[in-house]
Amino acid sequence: MTPTISRARLEALLADAGSQHVVIIGDAMLDVYLRGDVDRISPEAPVPVVRVRDRKLALGGAANVAQNVAAVGAGCDLVAVVGEDVAGNTLRERLESGRMESRSLVTVARPTTTKTRVMARSQQLVRFDEEDDADLDAADVARVLEAIETAMPHATALVFEDYNKGVLVPAVIEGAIAAARARHLPIVVDPKFRNFFAYRGATVFKPNRRELESALGAAVDLEHPAALPETFARLGVEHLLLTLGERGMALVSSDGVVHRVPTTAREVYDVVGAGDTVTAYLATMLAAGATALEAAIVANYAAGVEVGKLGAATVTPAEVLEAYDAHIADA
């Protein structure tokens, strides 16, 4: 049976989400898109010459989760590192212009992670990354922990958004989880391969299926979940939310219960940023008092809206309600 939520409950959760405050810890990025035309090959090397017609900037990584939280109407603190450079200043300014807090950003002696994509005829020709993804040194870790300590009194939920760029080292993870658990806050984790098993105590752990199987070194069979108790013993989390692409999501609880949440997307234009939307809605819904299943259902509606937009986009509560109504009408 497909899990459902009533419209009245959905409206109440979305309304309550607006008064929450989410602390997001992780890797913030600046995305740069250069779009143009190609009509010749360079005489210098066998590569296309792109005449750039348009330059677009966007928040990426943990910063994109932050702007999705803001789109729900909630407040947020983004604890991340930026360099003392143009990209870092731009990222800070874009947060502030989007009514997000930049007070928890920590400036360090490394470049702001910047990903530049060169596009022509709707095709990506090349991407170049400017970054230092080594773990932060002890002095910078101490400054990040100080920023977390300052942000936590405002928090009603905590998010870890890991892109393996060096912010989420064990000391940061353990310190933040201890602070959140002391305040009985819901904790949502979007992990990567480094420190995959360092998030004991999290409420919802959200890898994709490939990431989980790679970390476990074994396939995850949701039809025959006999091995799931061992998986939860290794992870030490309350719920797993596995994203399954066009098949939606699966919420697995530590008691072995598996809930399938089929996709509600009507049209899929671009899956970029859908995971960030899911993470933001999970956190705000849990903060508003939703169960893990209710939060997953609402996040699934939000993801269905996001993939119908081009690029990393945000989703408003009004759009979630509209998607809910359309889904019910189609049922």
C-alpha atoms as a PDB file:
ATOM      1  CA  MET A   1       0.000   0.000   0.000  1.00  0.00           C
ATOM      2  CA  THR A   2       1.340   3.435  -0.962  1.00  0.00           C
ATOM      3  CA  PRO A   3       1.807   5.613   2.145  1.00  0.00           C
ATOM      4  CA  THR A   4      -0.359   8.730   2.181  1.00  0.00           C
ATOM      5  CA  ILE A   5      -0.846  11.941   4.091  1.00  0.00           C
ATOM      6  CA  SER A   6      -4.022  14.008   4.424  1.00  0.00           C
ATOM      7  CA  ARG A   7      -4.177  17.470   2.948  1.00  0.00           C
ATOM      8  CA  ALA A   8      -4.967  18.965   6.358  1.00  0.00           C
ATOM      9  CA  ARG A   9      -1.871  17.332   7.853  1.00  0.00           C
ATOM     10  CA  LEU A  10       0.254  18.462   4.911  1.00  0.00           C
ATOM     11  CA  GLU A  11      -0.974  22.059   5.260  1.00  0.00           C
ATOM     12  CA  ALA A  12      -0.289  22.025   9.012  1.00  0.00           C
ATOM     13  CA  LEU A  13       3.258  20.717   8.581  1.00  0.00           C
ATOM     14  CA  LEU A  14       4.070  23.205   5.830  1.00  0.00           C
ATOM     15  CA  ALA A  15       2.710  26.056   7.965  1.00  0.00           C
ATOM     16  CA  ASP A  16       4.696  24.953  11.030  1.00  0.00           C
ATOM     17  CA  ALA A  17       7.863  24.566   8.931  1.00  0.00           C
ATOM     18  CA  GLY A  18       7.938  28.325   8.428  1.00  0.00           C
ATOM     19  CA  SER A  19       8.748  28.883  12.102  1.00  0.00           C
ATOM     20  CA  GLN A  20      11.639  26.382  12.238  1.00  0.00           C
ATOM     21  CA  HIS A  21      15.382  27.043  12.100  1.00  0.00           C
ATOM     22  CA  VAL A  22      17.741  24.530  10.484  1.00  0.00           C
ATOM     23  CA  VAL A  23      21.492  24.421  11.047  1.00  0.00           C
ATOM     24  CA  ILE A  24      23.248  23.038   7.957  1.00  0.00           C
ATOM     25  CA  ILE A  25      26.856  21.891   8.240  1.00  0.00           C
ATOM     26  CA  GLY A  26      28.842  20.876   5.190  1.00  0.00           C
ATOM     27  CA  ASP A  27      30.475  21.811   1.928  1.00  0.00           C
ATOM     28  CA  ALA A  28      29.221  25.012   0.311  1.00  0.00           C
ATOM     29  CA  MET A  29      29.979  25.634  -3.357  1.00  0.00           C
ATOM     30  CA  LEU A  30      29.538  28.273  -5.995  1.00  0.00           C
ATOM     31  CA  ASP A  31      28.317  26.932  -9.337  1.00  0.00           C
ATOM     32  CA  VAL A  32      29.196  28.909 -12.471  1.00  0.00           C
ATOM     33  CA  TYR A  33      27.501  28.223 -15.809  1.00  0.00           C
ATOM     34  CA  LEU A  34      29.017  29.612 -19.001  1.00  0.00           C
ATOM     35  CA  ARG A  35      26.677  29.193 -21.962  1.00  0.00           C
ATOM     36  CA  GLY A  36      27.519  29.993 -25.543  1.00  0.00           C
ATOM     37  CA  ASP A  37      27.812  28.947 -29.167  1.00  0.00           C
ATOM     38  CA  VAL A  38      30.311  26.768 -30.995  1.00  0.00           C
ATOM     39  CA  ASP A  39      30.919  27.356 -34.694  1.00  0.00           C
ATOM     40  CA  ARG A  40      34.582  26.525 -35.139  1.00  0.00           C
ATOM     41  CA  ILE A  41      37.515  24.504 -33.867  1.00  0.00           C
ATOM     42  CA  SER A  42      40.466  26.271 -32.302  1.00  0.00           C
ATOM     43  CA  PRO A  43      43.548  26.633 -34.536  1.00  0.00           C
ATOM     44  CA  GLU A  44      45.664  26.138 -31.400  1.00  0.00           C
ATOM     45  CA  ALA A  45      44.365  22.674 -30.450  1.00  0.00           C
ATOM     46  CA  PRO A  46      41.594  20.302 -31.606  1.00  0.00           C
ATOM     47  CA  VAL A  47      39.018  21.748 -29.222  1.00  0.00           C
ATOM     48  CA  PRO A  48      35.836  23.748 -29.835  1.00  0.00           C
ATOM     49  CA  VAL A  49      35.872  27.505 -29.390  1.00  0.00           C
ATOM     50  CA  VAL A  50      32.938  28.567 -27.219  1.00  0.00           C
ATOM     51  CA  ARG A  51      31.756  32.126 -27.638  1.00  0.00           C
ATOM     52  CA  VAL A  52      30.212  32.805 -24.242  1.00  0.00           C
ATOM     53  CA  ARG A  53      26.821  34.529 -24.419  1.00  0.00           C
ATOM     54  CA  ASP A  54      25.631  34.102 -20.851  1.00  0.00           C
ATOM     55  CA  ARG A  55      27.146  33.668 -17.389  1.00  0.00           C
ATOM     56  CA  LYS A  56      25.011  32.411 -14.514  1.00  0.00           C
ATOM     57  CA  LEU A  57      25.926  31.907 -10.857  1.00  0.00           C
ATOM     58  CA  ALA A  58      24.152  29.543  -8.475  1.00  0.00           C
ATOM     59  CA  LEU A  59      24.545  28.237  -4.953  1.00  0.00           C
ATOM     60  CA  GLY A  60      25.661  24.617  -4.803  1.00  0.00           C
ATOM     61  CA  GLY A  61      26.235  21.850  -2.270  1.00  0.00           C
ATOM     62  CA  ALA A  62      25.251  22.733   1.286  1.00  0.00           C
ATOM     63  CA  ALA A  63      24.435  26.274   0.131  1.00  0.00           C
ATOM     64  CA  ASN A  64      21.763  24.872  -2.176  1.00  0.00           C
ATOM     65  CA  VAL A  65      20.237  22.996   0.761  1.00  0.00           C
ATOM     66  CA  ALA A  66      20.193  26.318   2.627  1.00  0.00           C
ATOM     67  CA  GLN A  67      18.290  28.102  -0.124  1.00  0.00           C
ATOM     68  CA  ASN A  68      15.813  25.215  -0.285  1.00  0.00           C
ATOM     69  CA  VAL A  69      15.236  25.558   3.466  1.00  0.00           C
ATOM     70  CA  ALA A  70      14.681  29.281   2.954  1.00  0.00           C
ATOM     71  CA  ALA A  71      12.184  28.522   0.171  1.00  0.00           C
ATOM     72  CA  VAL A  72      10.116  26.501   2.670  1.00  0.00           C
ATOM     73  CA  GLY A  73      10.017  29.669   4.774  1.00  0.00           C
ATOM     74  CA  ALA A  74      12.279  28.444   7.568  1.00  0.00           C
ATOM     75  CA  GLY A  75      15.368  30.138   8.905  1.00  0.00           C
ATOM     76  CA  CYS A  76      18.796  28.579   8.572  1.00  0.00           C
ATOM     77  CA  ASP A  77      22.420  28.886   9.570  1.00  0.00           C
ATOM     78  CA  LEU A  78      24.960  27.528   7.075  1.00  0.00           C
ATOM     79  CA  VAL A  79      28.141  26.390   8.802  1.00  0.00           C
ATOM     80  CA  ALA A  80      30.634  26.034   5.965  1.00  0.00           C
ATOM     81  CA  VAL A  81      34.021  27.352   4.873  1.00  0.00           C
ATOM     82  CA  VAL A  82      34.802  29.846   2.140  1.00  0.00           C
ATOM     83  CA  GLY A  83      38.021  31.369   0.918  1.00  0.00           C
ATOM     84  CA  GLU A  84      39.036  34.990   1.107  1.00  0.00           C
ATOM     85  CA  ASP A  85      38.315  35.376  -2.601  1.00  0.00           C
ATOM     86  CA  VAL A  86      35.764  36.670  -5.092  1.00  0.00           C
ATOM     87  CA  ALA A  87      33.836  33.390  -5.083  1.00  0.00           C
ATOM     88  CA  GLY A  88      33.599  33.430  -1.285  1.00  0.00           C
ATOM     89  CA  ASN A  89      32.329  37.009  -1.281  1.00  0.00           C
ATOM     90  CA  THR A  90      29.810  36.130  -3.993  1.00  0.00           C
ATOM     91  CA  LEU A  91      28.545  33.108  -2.074  1.00  0.00           C
ATOM     92  CA  ARG A  92      28.142  35.190   1.069  1.00  0.00           C
ATOM     93  CA  GLU A  93      26.290  37.944  -0.819  1.00  0.00           C
ATOM     94  CA  ARG A  94      23.926  35.472  -2.492  1.00  0.00           C
ATOM     95  CA  LEU A  95      23.039  33.942   0.856  1.00  0.00           C
ATOM     96  CA  GLU A  96      22.270  37.350   2.320  1.00  0.00           C
ATOM     97  CA  SER A  97      20.241  38.459  -0.710  1.00  0.00           C
ATOM     98  CA  GLY A  98      18.185  35.257  -0.352  1.00  0.00           C
ATOM     99  CA  ARG A  99      17.388  36.099   3.292  1.00  0.00           C
ATOM    100  CA  MET A 100      19.733  33.423   4.636  1.00  0.00           C
ATOM    101  CA  GLU A 101      22.213  33.842   7.467  1.00  0.00           C
ATOM    102  CA  SER A 102      25.874  34.134   6.476  1.00  0.00           C
ATOM    103  CA  ARG A 103      27.108  34.658  10.053  1.00  0.00           C
ATOM    104  CA  SER A 104      28.170  31.001  10.394  1.00  0.00           C
ATOM    105  CA  LEU A 105      30.473  30.971   7.366  1.00  0.00           C
ATOM    106  CA  VAL A 106      34.116  30.479   8.331  1.00  0.00           C
ATOM    107  CA  THR A 107      36.794  32.101   6.158  1.00  0.00           C
ATOM    108  CA  VAL A 108      39.847  29.890   5.678  1.00  0.00           C
ATOM    109  CA  ALA A 109      43.102  29.940   3.713  1.00  0.00           C
ATOM    110  CA  ARG A 110      41.881  27.844   0.804  1.00  0.00           C
ATOM    111  CA  PRO A 111      39.848  28.651  -2.302  1.00  0.00           C
ATOM    112  CA  THR A 112      36.081  28.648  -2.179  1.00  0.00           C
ATOM    113  CA  THR A 113      34.922  25.463  -3.899  1.00  0.00           C
ATOM    114  CA  THR A 114      33.822  26.596  -7.368  1.00  0.00           C
ATOM    115  CA  LYS A 115      32.543  24.404 -10.179  1.00  0.00           C
ATOM    116  CA  THR A 116      32.434  25.989 -13.619  1.00  0.00           C
ATOM    117  CA  ARG A 117      30.496  24.294 -16.392  1.00  0.00           C
ATOM    118  CA  VAL A 118      30.904  25.325 -20.032  1.00  0.00           C
ATOM    119  CA  MET A 119      27.731  24.654 -22.033  1.00  0.00           C
ATOM    120  CA  ALA A 120      26.937  24.834 -25.725  1.00  0.00           C
ATOM    121  CA  ARG A 121      23.796  23.627 -27.506  1.00  0.00           C
ATOM    122  CA  SER A 122      22.457  22.336 -24.185  1.00  0.00           C
ATOM    123  CA  GLN A 123      25.480  20.051 -23.835  1.00  0.00           C
ATOM    124  CA  GLN A 124      28.173  20.310 -21.171  1.00  0.00           C
ATOM    125  CA  LEU A 125      31.531  20.490 -22.925  1.00  0.00           C
ATOM    126  CA  VAL A 126      33.787  20.650 -19.879  1.00  0.00           C
ATOM    127  CA  ARG A 127      33.691  21.274 -16.148  1.00  0.00           C
ATOM    128  CA  PHE A 128      36.597  22.620 -14.166  1.00  0.00           C
ATOM    129  CA  ASP A 129      36.760  22.637 -10.379  1.00  0.00           C
ATOM    130  CA  GLU A 130      38.666  25.066  -8.186  1.00  0.00           C
ATOM    131  CA  GLU A 131      38.959  23.562  -4.721  1.00  0.00           C
ATOM    132  CA  ASP A 132      41.076  22.111  -1.951  1.00  0.00           C
ATOM    133  CA  ASP A 133      39.371  19.006  -0.614  1.00  0.00           C
ATOM    134  CA  ALA A 134      41.893  18.049   2.083  1.00  0.00           C
ATOM    135  CA  ASP A 135      40.531  17.768   5.616  1.00  0.00           C
ATOM    136  CA  LEU A 136      40.553  21.044   7.515  1.00  0.00           C
ATOM    137  CA  ASP A 137      43.476  21.478   9.877  1.00  0.00           C
ATOM    138  CA  ALA A 138      42.986  21.513  13.641  1.00  0.00           C
ATOM    139  CA  ALA A 139      42.799  25.304  13.912  1.00  0.00           C
ATOM    140  CA  ASP A 140      40.067  25.566  11.260  1.00  0.00           C
ATOM    141  CA  VAL A 141      38.170  22.626  12.776  1.00  0.00           C
ATOM    142  CA  ALA A 142      38.143  24.520  16.080  1.00  0.00           C
ATOM    143  CA  ARG A 143      36.671  27.581  14.324  1.00  0.00           C
ATOM    144  CA  VAL A 144      33.980  25.462  12.659  1.00  0.00           C
ATOM    145  CA  LEU A 145      33.078  23.900  16.023  1.00  0.00           C
ATOM    146  CA  GLU A 146      32.830  27.399  17.488  1.00  0.00           C
ATOM    147  CA  ALA A 147      30.443  28.421  14.683  1.00  0.00           C
ATOM    148  CA  ILE A 148      28.323  25.314  15.365  1.00  0.00           C
ATOM    149  CA  GLU A 149      28.205  26.102  19.088  1.00  0.00           C
ATOM    150  CA  THR A 150      27.026  29.639  18.302  1.00  0.00           C
ATOM    151  CA  ALA A 151      24.367  28.460  15.831  1.00  0.00           C
ATOM    152  CA  MET A 152      22.883  25.549  17.800  1.00  0.00           C
ATOM    153  CA  PRO A 153      20.793  27.532  20.324  1.00  0.00           C
ATOM    154  CA  HIS A 154      18.635  28.719  17.397  1.00  0.00           C
ATOM    155  CA  ALA A 155      18.236  25.250  15.864  1.00  0.00           C
ATOM    156  CA  THR A 156      15.180  23.022  15.620  1.00  0.00           C
ATOM    157  CA  ALA A 157      16.898  20.579  13.207  1.00  0.00           C
ATOM    158  CA  LEU A 158      20.426  19.729  12.063  1.00  0.00           C
ATOM    159  CA  VAL A 159      21.594  18.759   8.574  1.00  0.00           C
ATOM    160  CA  PHE A 160      24.934  17.322   7.486  1.00  0.00           C
ATOM    161  CA  GLU A 161      25.590  17.856   3.757  1.00  0.00           C
ATOM    162  CA  ASP A 162      28.815  16.109   2.818  1.00  0.00           C
ATOM    163  CA  TYR A 163      30.571  16.426  -0.532  1.00  0.00           C
ATOM    164  CA  ASN A 164      33.947  15.243   0.796  1.00  0.00           C
ATOM    165  CA  LYS A 165      35.534  18.697   0.626  1.00  0.00           C
ATOM    166  CA  GLY A 166      37.108  18.486   4.071  1.00  0.00           C
ATOM    167  CA  VAL A 167      34.615  20.187   6.416  1.00  0.00           C
ATOM    168  CA  LEU A 168      32.862  17.124   7.847  1.00  0.00           C
ATOM    169  CA  VAL A 169      35.764  15.520   9.654  1.00  0.00           C
ATOM    170  CA  PRO A 170      35.062  13.186  12.623  1.00  0.00           C
ATOM    171  CA  ALA A 171      35.565  15.912  15.260  1.00  0.00           C
ATOM    172  CA  VAL A 172      32.993  18.175  13.564  1.00  0.00           C
ATOM    173  CA  ILE A 173      30.494  15.343  13.050  1.00  0.00           C
ATOM    174  CA  GLU A 174      30.759  14.017  16.593  1.00  0.00           C
ATOM    175  CA  GLY A 175      30.646  17.459  18.197  1.00  0.00           C
ATOM    176  CA  ALA A 176      27.577  18.548  16.219  1.00  0.00           C
ATOM    177  CA  ILE A 177      25.682  15.279  16.803  1.00  0.00           C
ATOM    178  CA  ALA A 178      26.354  15.486  20.547  1.00  0.00           C
ATOM    179  CA  ALA A 179      25.057  19.073  20.630  1.00  0.00           C
ATOM    180  CA  ALA A 180      21.952  18.174  18.612  1.00  0.00           C
ATOM    181  CA  ARG A 181      21.129  15.101  20.679  1.00  0.00           C
ATOM    182  CA  ALA A 182      21.488  17.110  23.880  1.00  0.00           C
ATOM    183  CA  ARG A 183      18.744  19.375  22.501  1.00  0.00           C
ATOM    184  CA  HIS A 184      16.679  16.412  21.153  1.00  0.00           C
ATOM    185  CA  LEU A 185      16.858  17.748  17.595  1.00  0.00           C
ATOM    186  CA  PRO A 186      16.157  15.678  14.473  1.00  0.00           C
ATOM    187  CA  ILE A 187      19.336  15.026  12.480  1.00  0.00           C
ATOM    188  CA  VAL A 188      19.376  14.484   8.698  1.00  0.00           C
ATOM    189  CA  VAL A 189      22.524  13.234   6.966  1.00  0.00           C
ATOM    190  CA  ASP A 190      23.373  13.285   3.257  1.00  0.00           C
ATOM    191  CA  PRO A 191      26.679  11.352   3.350  1.00  0.00           C
ATOM    192  CA  LYS A 192      29.552  10.615   1.009  1.00  0.00           C
ATOM    193  CA  PHE A 193      32.157   7.862   1.158  1.00  0.00           C
ATOM    194  CA  ARG A 194      34.517   9.482   3.678  1.00  0.00           C
ATOM    195  CA  ASN A 195      33.369   9.050   7.284  1.00  0.00           C
ATOM    196  CA  PHE A 196      30.286   7.154   6.086  1.00  0.00           C
ATOM    197  CA  PHE A 197      29.937   5.343   9.405  1.00  0.00           C
ATOM    198  CA  ALA A 198      30.585   8.380  11.638  1.00  0.00           C
ATOM    199  CA  TYR A 199      26.962   9.535  11.977  1.00  0.00           C
ATOM    200  CA  ARG A 200      25.716   7.342  14.832  1.00  0.00           C
ATOM    201  CA  GLY A 201      22.664   8.905  16.412  1.00  0.00           C
ATOM    202  CA  ALA A 202      21.249  10.447  13.216  1.00  0.00           C
ATOM    203  CA  THR A 203      17.485  10.432  12.677  1.00  0.00           C
ATOM    204  CA  VAL A 204      17.434  10.003   8.884  1.00  0.00           C
ATOM    205  CA  PHE A 205      20.474   8.843   6.908  1.00  0.00           C
ATOM    206  CA  LYS A 206      20.014   9.575   3.191  1.00  0.00           C
ATOM    207  CA  PRO A 207      22.525   7.908   0.863  1.00  0.00           C
ATOM    208  CA  ASN A 208      21.574   6.770  -2.596  1.00  0.00           C
ATOM    209  CA  ARG A 209      21.513   3.038  -3.089  1.00  0.00           C
ATOM    210  CA  ARG A 210      24.873   2.923  -4.893  1.00  0.00           C
ATOM    211  CA  GLU A 211      26.596   4.852  -2.091  1.00  0.00           C
ATOM    212  CA  LEU A 212      25.167   2.548   0.567  1.00  0.00           C
ATOM    213  CA  GLU A 213      26.094  -0.636  -1.266  1.00  0.00           C
ATOM    214  CA  SER A 214      29.594   0.657  -1.945  1.00  0.00           C
ATOM    215  CA  ALA A 215      30.118   1.494   1.738  1.00  0.00           C
ATOM    216  CA  LEU A 216      28.712  -1.838   2.931  1.00  0.00           C
ATOM    217  CA  GLY A 217      30.499  -3.862   0.280  1.00  0.00           C
ATOM    218  CA  ALA A 218      27.281  -5.747  -0.425  1.00  0.00           C
ATOM    219  CA  ALA A 219      24.004  -5.378  -2.287  1.00  0.00           C
ATOM    220  CA  VAL A 220      20.947  -4.148  -0.390  1.00  0.00           C
ATOM    221  CA  ASP A 221      17.892  -6.286  -1.153  1.00  0.00           C
ATOM    222  CA  LEU A 222      14.784  -4.375  -0.097  1.00  0.00           C
ATOM    223  CA  GLU A 223      12.561  -7.311  -1.093  1.00  0.00           C
ATOM    224  CA  HIS A 224      14.337  -9.622   1.375  1.00  0.00           C
ATOM    225  CA  PRO A 225      15.606  -7.295   4.108  1.00  0.00           C
ATOM    226  CA  ALA A 226      17.123  -9.974   6.367  1.00  0.00           C
ATOM    227  CA  ALA A 227      20.484  -8.200   6.353  1.00  0.00           C
ATOM    228  CA  LEU A 228      19.051  -4.801   7.316  1.00  0.00           C
ATOM    229  CA  PRO A 229      19.453  -5.222  11.111  1.00  0.00           C
ATOM    230  CA  GLU A 230      23.191  -5.698  10.584  1.00  0.00           C
ATOM    231  CA  THR A 231      23.245  -2.586   8.382  1.00  0.00           C
ATOM    232  CA  PHE A 232      21.571  -0.511  11.095  1.00  0.00           C
ATOM    233  CA  ALA A 233      23.942  -1.919  13.719  1.00  0.00           C
ATOM    234  CA  ARG A 234      26.881  -0.639  11.644  1.00  0.00           C
ATOM    235  CA  LEU A 235      25.341   2.760  10.925  1.00  0.00           C
ATOM    236  CA  GLY A 236      23.713   3.451  14.290  1.00  0.00           C
ATOM    237  CA  VAL A 237      20.896   5.533  12.771  1.00  0.00           C
ATOM    238  CA  GLU A 238      17.108   5.446  13.195  1.00  0.00           C
ATOM    239  CA  HIS A 239      16.003   5.487   9.538  1.00  0.00           C
ATOM    240  CA  LEU A 240      17.516   4.987   6.102  1.00  0.00           C
ATOM    241  CA  LEU A 241      16.019   6.927   3.205  1.00  0.00           C
ATOM    242  CA  LEU A 242      17.253   5.436  -0.044  1.00  0.00           C
ATOM    243  CA  THR A 243      16.727   7.409  -3.226  1.00  0.00           C
ATOM    244  CA  LEU A 244      15.894   5.035  -6.085  1.00  0.00           C
ATOM    245  CA  GLY A 245      15.757   7.348  -9.110  1.00  0.00           C
ATOM    246  CA  GLU A 246      12.603   6.958 -11.180  1.00  0.00           C
ATOM    247  CA  ARG A 247      11.288   4.421  -8.635  1.00  0.00           C
ATOM    248  CA  GLY A 248      11.037   7.062  -5.935  1.00  0.00           C
ATOM    249  CA  MET A 249      12.383   6.393  -2.454  1.00  0.00           C
ATOM    250  CA  ALA A 250      12.368   3.702   0.209  1.00  0.00           C
ATOM    251  CA  LEU A 251      12.226   4.538   3.908  1.00  0.00           C
ATOM    252  CA  VAL A 252      13.697   1.750   6.007  1.00  0.00           C
ATOM    253  CA  SER A 253      13.390   1.859   9.795  1.00  0.00           C
ATOM    254  CA  SER A 254      15.671   0.193  12.308  1.00  0.00           C
ATOM    255  CA  ASP A 255      12.855  -2.248  13.198  1.00  0.00           C
ATOM    256  CA  GLY A 256      13.020  -3.627   9.649  1.00  0.00           C
ATOM    257  CA  VAL A 257       9.847  -1.986   8.277  1.00  0.00           C
ATOM    258  CA  VAL A 258      10.228  -0.813   4.670  1.00  0.00           C
ATOM    259  CA  HIS A 259       7.932   1.863   3.201  1.00  0.00           C
ATOM    260  CA  ARG A 260       8.037   2.505  -0.557  1.00  0.00           C
ATOM    261  CA  VAL A 261       7.386   6.097  -1.589  1.00  0.00           C
ATOM    262  CA  PRO A 262       6.762   6.122  -5.364  1.00  0.00           C
ATOM    263  CA  THR A 263       7.794   9.162  -7.368  1.00  0.00           C
ATOM    264  CA  THR A 264       5.133  11.811  -7.950  1.00  0.00           C
ATOM    265  CA  ALA A 265       7.006  13.587 -10.750  1.00  0.00           C
ATOM    266  CA  ARG A 266       4.846  14.270 -13.805  1.00  0.00           C
ATOM    267  CA  GLU A 267       7.700  15.433 -16.015  1.00  0.00           C
ATOM    268  CA  VAL A 268      11.435  15.095 -15.484  1.00  0.00           C
ATOM    269  CA  TYR A 269      13.549  17.803 -17.084  1.00  0.00           C
ATOM    270  CA  ASP A 270      16.583  17.815 -14.811  1.00  0.00           C
ATOM    271  CA  VAL A 271      17.426  15.807 -11.672  1.00  0.00           C
ATOM    272  CA  VAL A 272      20.207  18.220 -10.615  1.00  0.00           C
ATOM    273  CA  GLY A 273      19.498  19.503  -7.113  1.00  0.00           C
ATOM    274  CA  ALA A 274      16.625  17.122  -6.345  1.00  0.00           C
ATOM    275  CA  GLY A 275      18.579  15.513  -3.508  1.00  0.00           C
ATOM    276  CA  ASP A 276      19.168  18.908  -1.895  1.00  0.00           C
ATOM    277  CA  THR A 277      15.438  19.639  -2.050  1.00  0.00           C
ATOM    278  CA  VAL A 278      14.682  16.298  -0.394  1.00  0.00           C
ATOM    279  CA  THR A 279      17.192  16.999   2.384  1.00  0.00           C
ATOM    280  CA  ALA A 280      15.770  20.465   3.058  1.00  0.00           C
ATOM    281  CA  TYR A 281      12.181  19.237   3.223  1.00  0.00           C
ATOM    282  CA  LEU A 282      13.095  16.259   5.398  1.00  0.00           C
ATOM    283  CA  ALA A 283      14.738  18.535   7.947  1.00  0.00           C
ATOM    284  CA  THR A 284      12.017  21.180   8.032  1.00  0.00           C
ATOM    285  CA  MET A 285       9.212  18.613   8.219  1.00  0.00           C
ATOM    286  CA  LEU A 286      10.896  16.701  11.060  1.00  0.00           C
ATOM    287  CA  ALA A 287      11.461  20.000  12.868  1.00  0.00           C
ATOM    288  CA  ALA A 288       7.750  20.749  12.438  1.00  0.00           C
ATOM    289  CA  GLY A 289       6.835  17.481  14.165  1.00  0.00           C
ATOM    290  CA  ALA A 290       6.412  15.093  11.228  1.00  0.00           C
ATOM    291  CA  THR A 291       7.163  11.409  11.584  1.00  0.00           C
ATOM    292  CA  ALA A 292       9.994  10.109   9.416  1.00  0.00           C
ATOM    293  CA  LEU A 293       7.427   8.619   7.011  1.00  0.00           C
ATOM    294  CA  GLU A 294       5.442  11.856   6.789  1.00  0.00           C
ATOM    295  CA  ALA A 295       8.635  13.802   6.174  1.00  0.00           C
ATOM    296  CA  ALA A 296       9.657  11.400   3.402  1.00  0.00           C
ATOM    297  CA  ILE A 297       6.253  11.687   1.730  1.00  0.00           C
ATOM    298  CA  VAL A 298       6.367  15.509   1.757  1.00  0.00           C
ATOM    299  CA  ALA A 299       9.984  15.532   0.560  1.00  0.00           C
ATOM    300  CA  ASN A 300       8.988  13.209  -2.259  1.00  0.00           C
ATOM    301  CA  TYR A 301       6.317  15.657  -3.457  1.00  0.00           C
ATOM    302  CA  ALA A 302       8.903  18.456  -3.327  1.00  0.00           C
ATOM    303  CA  ALA A 303      11.386  16.387  -5.348  1.00  0.00           C
ATOM    304  CA  GLY A 304       8.688  15.698  -7.938  1.00  0.00           C
ATOM    305  CA  VAL A 305       8.295  19.445  -8.415  1.00  0.00           C
ATOM    306  CA  GLU A 306      12.048  20.128  -8.486  1.00  0.00           C
ATOM    307  CA  VAL A 307      12.858  17.656 -11.264  1.00  0.00           C
ATOM    308  CA  GLY A 308      10.317  19.429 -13.458  1.00  0.00           C
ATOM    309  CA  LYS A 309      12.527  22.536 -13.406  1.00  0.00           C
ATOM    310  CA  LEU A 310      15.825  23.184 -15.166  1.00  0.00           C
ATOM    311  CA  GLY A 311      18.947  23.213 -13.008  1.00  0.00           C
ATOM    312  CA  ALA A 312      19.144  23.271  -9.232  1.00  0.00           C
ATOM    313  CA  ALA A 313      15.884  24.938  -8.244  1.00  0.00           C
ATOM    314  CA  THR A 314      13.923  25.615  -5.068  1.00  0.00           C
ATOM    315  CA  VAL A 315      10.396  24.467  -4.257  1.00  0.00           C
ATOM    316  CA  THR A 316       7.829  26.456  -2.272  1.00  0.00           C
ATOM    317  CA  PRO A 317       5.113  25.074   0.036  1.00  0.00           C
ATOM    318  CA  ALA A 318       2.475  26.335  -2.429  1.00  0.00           C
ATOM    319  CA  GLU A 319       4.055  24.216  -5.173  1.00  0.00           C
ATOM    320  CA  VAL A 320       4.060  21.163  -2.890  1.00  0.00           C
ATOM    321  CA  LEU A 321       0.344  21.627  -2.206  1.00  0.00           C
ATOM    322  CA  GLU A 322      -0.333  22.041  -5.924  1.00  0.00           C
ATOM    323  CA  ALA A 323       1.602  18.821  -6.664  1.00  0.00           C
ATOM    324  CA  TYR A 324      -0.332  17.026  -3.910  1.00  0.00           C
ATOM    325  CA  ASP A 325      -3.677  18.138  -5.347  1.00  0.00           C
ATOM    326  CA  ALA A 326      -2.660  17.090  -8.866  1.00  0.00           C
ATOM    327  CA  HIS A 327      -1.502  13.677  -7.618  1.00  0.00           C
ATOM    328  CA  ILE A 328      -4.751  13.080  -5.710  1.00  0.00           C
ATOM    329  CA  ALA A 329      -6.780  14.137  -8.758  1.00  0.00           C
ATOM    330  CA  ASP A 330      -4.868  11.660 -10.936  1.00  0.00           C
ATOM    331  CA  ALA A 331      -5.223   8.800  -8.463  1.00  0.00           C
END
